Amino acid sequence: MTTPYENTFGRRPGRGIRPWLLVPKLLAVTIYFGGLVTTLFLWATSSAISLELIAHTSRMFIFLIVPALLVAIGLGIALAMQNGAVLLKRRWLRAKLIILAIMIPTAHLYLSNKLASVRDDPQHPRSGFIAGLLLTIAASAIVIILARLKPRLRQNPAEV
């Protein structure tokens, strides 16, 4: 008995493990970005800095934002391993990796330092923490846009 479709190009059926990695990565990125925006909203709309707000912020970073970021990075590495040689030639991926390599440690050090100084001195201005969150959200949005649109960035894919 023959099948109605004959595989003449030697492709494997199905898309492999890619869809099983994409959906959790999308959820992890959504949780990460949503956690950052929620934290910014809480800090921007609160009338005064309280120890409860600082504790809530710490818990959000420890139990929600950072784990979601780590899951997204791990799943991104697993996705990139499927076509690593081809993907590393793309400028959009290199730009994304450079932004992440700069943003993640910088945001961690800056935001943890600002949160600690606000925790030690509640009269400390919160504008530094809010500015750091805004910059982190902006850099994360750029990374998300690069990953979604995959712009050529003046690169001809046929020549790579």
Protein backbone atom coordinates (compact mmCIF):
# COMPACT_ATOMS: atom_id res chain seq x y z
CA MET A 1 0.00 0.00 0.00
CA THR A 2 1.44 3.38 -0.96
CA THR A 3 1.03 6.65 0.80
CA PRO A 4 -0.57 9.58 -1.02
CA TYR A 5 2.54 11.69 -0.42
CA GLU A 6 5.91 10.41 -1.48
CA ASN A 7 8.94 11.86 0.24
CA THR A 8 11.24 12.67 -2.68
CA PHE A 9 13.56 15.12 -0.94
CA GLY A 10 14.64 12.93 1.97
CA ARG A 11 13.15 15.09 4.70
CA ARG A 12 12.15 13.60 7.99
CA PRO A 13 8.46 13.77 8.82
CA GLY A 14 7.44 16.34 11.39
CA ARG A 15 9.41 19.24 12.77
CA GLY A 16 11.32 17.32 15.41
CA ILE A 17 11.73 18.74 18.88
CA ARG A 18 11.61 22.42 17.82
CA PRO A 19 7.90 23.03 18.65
CA TRP A 20 8.38 21.37 22.03
CA LEU A 21 11.15 23.86 22.80
CA LEU A 22 9.55 26.96 21.27
CA VAL A 23 6.36 26.95 23.32
CA PRO A 24 8.06 26.77 26.75
CA LYS A 25 10.62 29.36 25.62
CA LEU A 26 7.84 31.71 24.57
CA LEU A 27 6.17 31.24 27.96
CA ALA A 28 9.46 31.81 29.81
CA VAL A 29 10.19 35.02 27.87
CA THR A 30 6.63 36.21 28.50
CA ILE A 31 6.95 35.56 32.25
CA TYR A 32 10.35 37.29 32.35
CA PHE A 33 9.22 40.38 30.47
CA GLY A 34 5.87 40.53 32.27
CA GLY A 35 7.62 40.29 35.63
CA LEU A 36 9.87 43.22 34.75
CA VAL A 37 6.94 45.35 33.59
CA THR A 38 4.91 44.42 36.68
CA THR A 39 7.80 45.37 38.95
CA LEU A 40 8.16 48.70 37.16
CA PHE A 41 4.44 49.33 37.50
CA LEU A 42 4.52 48.57 41.24
CA TRP A 43 7.46 50.90 41.83
CA ALA A 44 6.09 53.69 39.63
CA THR A 45 2.62 53.68 41.17
CA SER A 46 3.54 53.24 44.84
CA SER A 47 3.32 56.44 46.82
CA ALA A 48 6.07 55.54 49.26
CA ILE A 49 8.79 52.95 49.52
CA SER A 50 7.92 50.36 52.14
CA LEU A 51 9.71 47.29 53.35
CA GLU A 52 6.79 45.25 51.99
CA LEU A 53 7.37 46.63 48.47
CA ILE A 54 11.09 45.88 48.70
CA ALA A 55 10.43 42.33 49.94
CA HIS A 56 7.84 41.78 47.22
CA THR A 57 10.30 43.01 44.60
CA SER A 58 13.02 40.72 45.91
CA ARG A 59 10.68 37.73 45.84
CA MET A 60 9.57 38.53 42.29
CA PHE A 61 13.16 38.65 41.09
CA ILE A 62 14.25 35.54 43.00
CA PHE A 63 11.27 33.29 42.30
CA LEU A 64 9.85 34.59 39.00
CA ILE A 65 12.00 36.85 36.84
CA VAL A 66 15.45 35.26 37.18
CA PRO A 67 14.22 31.63 36.87
CA ALA A 68 12.17 32.55 33.79
CA LEU A 69 15.25 34.20 32.27
CA LEU A 70 17.39 31.14 33.00
CA VAL A 71 14.79 28.81 31.46
CA ALA A 72 14.57 31.03 28.37
CA ILE A 73 18.36 31.02 28.01
CA GLY A 74 18.55 27.25 28.43
CA LEU A 75 15.80 26.62 25.88
CA GLY A 76 17.41 29.13 23.52
CA ILE A 77 20.68 27.22 23.71
CA ALA A 78 18.83 23.96 23.04
CA LEU A 79 17.12 25.53 20.03
CA ALA A 80 20.38 26.97 18.70
CA MET A 81 22.12 23.61 18.96
CA GLN A 82 19.88 22.24 16.22
CA ASN A 83 21.30 24.60 13.58
CA GLY A 84 24.19 26.19 15.44
CA ALA A 85 26.63 26.66 12.57
CA VAL A 86 24.03 28.35 10.37
CA LEU A 87 22.57 30.51 13.14
CA LEU A 88 25.90 31.83 14.40
CA LYS A 89 26.52 33.35 10.97
CA ARG A 90 23.41 35.53 11.29
CA ARG A 91 24.00 39.08 12.42
CA TRP A 92 20.68 39.35 14.24
CA LEU A 93 21.64 36.44 16.51
CA ARG A 94 25.10 37.84 17.16
CA ALA A 95 23.58 41.25 17.99
CA LYS A 96 21.08 39.57 20.30
CA LEU A 97 23.80 37.59 22.09
CA ILE A 98 25.99 40.69 22.52
CA ILE A 99 23.09 42.68 23.97
CA LEU A 100 22.26 39.83 26.36
CA ALA A 101 25.90 39.39 27.39
CA ILE A 102 26.07 43.08 28.31
CA MET A 103 22.55 43.54 29.68
CA ILE A 104 22.17 40.58 32.05
CA PRO A 105 25.21 41.13 34.30
CA THR A 106 24.91 44.92 34.15
CA ALA A 107 21.21 44.89 35.04
CA HIS A 108 21.80 42.39 37.82
CA LEU A 109 24.59 44.38 39.43
CA TYR A 110 22.89 47.76 39.02
CA LEU A 111 19.41 46.72 40.15
CA SER A 112 20.61 44.64 43.09
CA ASN A 113 22.83 47.52 44.22
CA LYS A 114 19.99 50.05 43.95
CA LEU A 115 17.54 47.74 45.72
CA ALA A 116 20.03 47.17 48.54
CA SER A 117 20.62 50.91 48.95
CA VAL A 118 16.86 51.55 49.07
CA ARG A 119 16.47 48.71 51.59
CA ASP A 120 19.20 50.19 53.82
CA ASP A 121 17.95 53.76 53.55
CA PRO A 122 14.21 54.11 52.74
CA GLN A 123 14.76 57.84 52.14
CA HIS A 124 17.05 56.98 49.21
CA PRO A 125 15.50 58.13 45.93
CA ARG A 126 13.85 55.33 44.00
CA SER A 127 14.44 56.98 40.63
CA GLY A 128 17.68 55.05 40.12
CA PHE A 129 15.93 51.69 40.51
CA ILE A 130 13.10 52.76 38.19
CA ALA A 131 15.59 54.02 35.58
CA GLY A 132 17.47 50.72 35.76
CA LEU A 133 14.23 48.80 35.28
CA LEU A 134 13.32 50.99 32.30
CA LEU A 135 16.69 50.36 30.65
CA THR A 136 16.43 46.63 31.32
CA ILE A 137 12.94 46.54 29.83
CA ALA A 138 14.11 48.51 26.78
CA ALA A 139 17.08 46.20 26.18
CA SER A 140 14.87 43.14 26.67
CA ALA A 141 12.34 44.53 24.20
CA ILE A 142 15.12 45.03 21.64
CA VAL A 143 16.22 41.42 22.13
CA ILE A 144 12.64 40.18 21.75
CA ILE A 145 12.16 42.24 18.58
CA LEU A 146 15.43 40.95 17.11
CA ALA A 147 14.43 37.37 17.88
CA ARG A 148 10.95 37.80 16.42
CA LEU A 149 11.68 39.80 13.27
CA LYS A 150 15.15 38.39 12.50
CA PRO A 151 16.23 41.45 10.49
CA ARG A 152 19.01 41.05 7.94
CA LEU A 153 21.08 43.92 9.36
CA ARG A 154 22.68 44.57 5.96
CA GLN A 155 23.57 40.91 5.52
CA ASN A 156 22.84 38.90 2.39
CA PRO A 157 21.79 35.40 3.55
CA ALA A 158 22.78 33.92 0.18
CA GLU A 159 26.41 34.92 0.68
CA VAL A 160 26.75 33.41 4.15
